[in-house]
Amino acid sequence: MRITFVSVADLREYFGRAPVELQLPEEATLREVLAEVDQRWGAQLPGYLWDREQQIFRGPIFLLLDKKVVRDFATPLCDGQEVVVMHALAGG
């Protein structure tokens, strides 16, 4: 299955400006996306953003699937979906 991985704002510094197409096994979950993040970019990501041992983002970083924040890494994916990684936004 193909998933499009998109980074937003300052995270583009690590993942690039262009969306990245990931080839994942059928019946993949969000956990497989995180494993792919570790394989492709994990060594270059600073420790305050990425936990290589657990293969998860640290701090106020969210993954969005269908424009909704997803916290359950067992969430199944569908071919053609877009996964967005972004920092939490705050304002005042």
C-alpha atoms as a PDB file:
ATOM      1  CA  MET A   1       0.000   0.000   0.000  1.00  0.00           C
ATOM      2  CA  ARG A   2       1.107   3.570  -0.594  1.00  0.00           C
ATOM      3  CA  ILE A   3       0.871   6.270   2.060  1.00  0.00           C
ATOM      4  CA  THR A   4       1.834   9.918   1.647  1.00  0.00           C
ATOM      5  CA  PHE A   5       3.878  11.307   4.557  1.00  0.00           C
ATOM      6  CA  VAL A   6       3.708  15.088   4.926  1.00  0.00           C
ATOM      7  CA  SER A   7       5.571  17.283   7.403  1.00  0.00           C
ATOM      8  CA  VAL A   8       4.362  20.739   8.385  1.00  0.00           C
ATOM      9  CA  ALA A   9       6.143  23.971   9.322  1.00  0.00           C
ATOM     10  CA  ASP A  10       9.536  23.611  11.045  1.00  0.00           C
ATOM     11  CA  LEU A  11       9.456  19.790  10.827  1.00  0.00           C
ATOM     12  CA  ARG A  12      10.114  20.175   7.099  1.00  0.00           C
ATOM     13  CA  GLU A  13      13.702  20.899   8.123  1.00  0.00           C
ATOM     14  CA  TYR A  14      14.047  17.204   8.968  1.00  0.00           C
ATOM     15  CA  PHE A  15      11.654  15.526   6.520  1.00  0.00           C
ATOM     16  CA  GLY A  16      11.869  17.840   3.519  1.00  0.00           C
ATOM     17  CA  ARG A  17       9.346  20.161   1.958  1.00  0.00           C
ATOM     18  CA  ALA A  18       7.867  17.697  -0.508  1.00  0.00           C
ATOM     19  CA  PRO A  19       5.466  14.950   0.551  1.00  0.00           C
ATOM     20  CA  VAL A  20       7.116  11.522   0.665  1.00  0.00           C
ATOM     21  CA  GLU A  21       5.438   8.414  -0.639  1.00  0.00           C
ATOM     22  CA  LEU A  22       5.921   5.419   1.653  1.00  0.00           C
ATOM     23  CA  GLN A  23       5.441   1.873   0.432  1.00  0.00           C
ATOM     24  CA  LEU A  24       4.042  -0.187   3.311  1.00  0.00           C
ATOM     25  CA  PRO A  25       2.754  -3.742   3.614  1.00  0.00           C
ATOM     26  CA  GLU A  26      -0.947  -4.389   3.119  1.00  0.00           C
ATOM     27  CA  GLU A  27      -2.924  -4.022   6.345  1.00  0.00           C
ATOM     28  CA  ALA A  28      -0.277  -1.636   7.721  1.00  0.00           C
ATOM     29  CA  THR A  29      -0.954   0.465  10.782  1.00  0.00           C
ATOM     30  CA  LEU A  30       0.351   3.798  11.965  1.00  0.00           C
ATOM     31  CA  ARG A  31       3.086   1.830  13.793  1.00  0.00           C
ATOM     32  CA  GLU A  32       4.590   0.870  10.399  1.00  0.00           C
ATOM     33  CA  VAL A  33       4.720   4.555   9.458  1.00  0.00           C
ATOM     34  CA  LEU A  34       6.703   5.251  12.635  1.00  0.00           C
ATOM     35  CA  ALA A  35       9.070   2.362  11.840  1.00  0.00           C
ATOM     36  CA  GLU A  36       9.624   3.877   8.399  1.00  0.00           C
ATOM     37  CA  VAL A  37      10.285   7.299   9.974  1.00  0.00           C
ATOM     38  CA  ASP A  38      12.929   5.682  12.156  1.00  0.00           C
ATOM     39  CA  GLN A  39      14.527   3.853   9.244  1.00  0.00           C
ATOM     40  CA  ARG A  40      14.642   6.892   6.924  1.00  0.00           C
ATOM     41  CA  TRP A  41      15.156   9.824   9.298  1.00  0.00           C
ATOM     42  CA  GLY A  42      15.610   8.522  12.851  1.00  0.00           C
ATOM     43  CA  ALA A  43      19.395   8.946  12.967  1.00  0.00           C
ATOM     44  CA  GLN A  44      19.123  12.611  11.920  1.00  0.00           C
ATOM     45  CA  LEU A  45      16.252  13.585  14.214  1.00  0.00           C
ATOM     46  CA  PRO A  46      17.230  15.310  17.464  1.00  0.00           C
ATOM     47  CA  GLY A  47      16.536  13.396  20.661  1.00  0.00           C
ATOM     48  CA  TYR A  48      14.024  15.943  21.899  1.00  0.00           C
ATOM     49  CA  LEU A  49      11.826  15.119  18.862  1.00  0.00           C
ATOM     50  CA  TRP A  50      12.331  11.388  18.345  1.00  0.00           C
ATOM     51  CA  ASP A  51      12.775   8.399  20.655  1.00  0.00           C
ATOM     52  CA  ARG A  52      14.687   5.826  18.574  1.00  0.00           C
ATOM     53  CA  GLU A  53      14.251   3.047  21.111  1.00  0.00           C
ATOM     54  CA  GLN A  54      10.452   3.291  21.196  1.00  0.00           C
ATOM     55  CA  GLN A  55      10.128   4.677  17.661  1.00  0.00           C
ATOM     56  CA  ILE A  56       7.794   7.484  18.698  1.00  0.00           C
ATOM     57  CA  PHE A  57       7.803  11.260  18.562  1.00  0.00           C
ATOM     58  CA  ARG A  58       8.489  13.156  21.780  1.00  0.00           C
ATOM     59  CA  GLY A  59       6.937  16.381  22.939  1.00  0.00           C
ATOM     60  CA  PRO A  60       3.924  18.108  21.451  1.00  0.00           C
ATOM     61  CA  ILE A  61       4.075  16.440  18.036  1.00  0.00           C
ATOM     62  CA  PHE A  62       0.938  15.003  16.502  1.00  0.00           C
ATOM     63  CA  LEU A  63       0.169  12.606  13.692  1.00  0.00           C
ATOM     64  CA  LEU A  64      -2.921  13.391  11.674  1.00  0.00           C
ATOM     65  CA  LEU A  65      -4.837  10.927   9.566  1.00  0.00           C
ATOM     66  CA  ASP A  66      -7.729  12.259   7.520  1.00  0.00           C
ATOM     67  CA  LYS A  67      -7.164  15.637   9.230  1.00  0.00           C
ATOM     68  CA  LYS A  68      -7.751  14.158  12.697  1.00  0.00           C
ATOM     69  CA  VAL A  69      -5.165  13.631  15.444  1.00  0.00           C
ATOM     70  CA  VAL A  70      -4.466   9.933  15.940  1.00  0.00           C
ATOM     71  CA  ARG A  71      -2.918   8.656  19.164  1.00  0.00           C
ATOM     72  CA  ASP A  72      -3.471   4.924  18.684  1.00  0.00           C
ATOM     73  CA  PHE A  73      -0.532   3.521  16.720  1.00  0.00           C
ATOM     74  CA  ALA A  74      -2.542   0.358  15.976  1.00  0.00           C
ATOM     75  CA  THR A  75      -4.844   2.434  13.749  1.00  0.00           C
ATOM     76  CA  PRO A  76      -5.136   0.677  10.389  1.00  0.00           C
ATOM     77  CA  LEU A  77      -4.272   2.546   7.216  1.00  0.00           C
ATOM     78  CA  CYS A  78      -5.813   2.480   3.764  1.00  0.00           C
ATOM     79  CA  ASP A  79      -4.045   2.722   0.446  1.00  0.00           C
ATOM     80  CA  GLY A  80      -3.652   6.350  -0.634  1.00  0.00           C
ATOM     81  CA  GLN A  81      -4.076   7.926   2.790  1.00  0.00           C
ATOM     82  CA  GLU A  82      -2.052  10.924   3.939  1.00  0.00           C
ATOM     83  CA  VAL A  83      -0.269  10.978   7.291  1.00  0.00           C
ATOM     84  CA  VAL A  84       0.726  14.464   8.471  1.00  0.00           C
ATOM     85  CA  VAL A  85       3.271  15.141  11.224  1.00  0.00           C
ATOM     86  CA  MET A  86       3.105  18.517  12.951  1.00  0.00           C
ATOM     87  CA  HIS A  87       3.856  20.371  16.155  1.00  0.00           C
ATOM     88  CA  ALA A  88       0.968  21.332  18.376  1.00  0.00           C
ATOM     89  CA  LEU A  89      -0.099  24.890  17.682  1.00  0.00           C
ATOM     90  CA  ALA A  90      -0.763  27.391  20.400  1.00  0.00           C
ATOM     91  CA  GLY A  91      -1.707  30.981  20.269  1.00  0.00           C
ATOM     92  CA  GLY A  92      -2.959  33.764  22.369  1.00  0.00           C
END
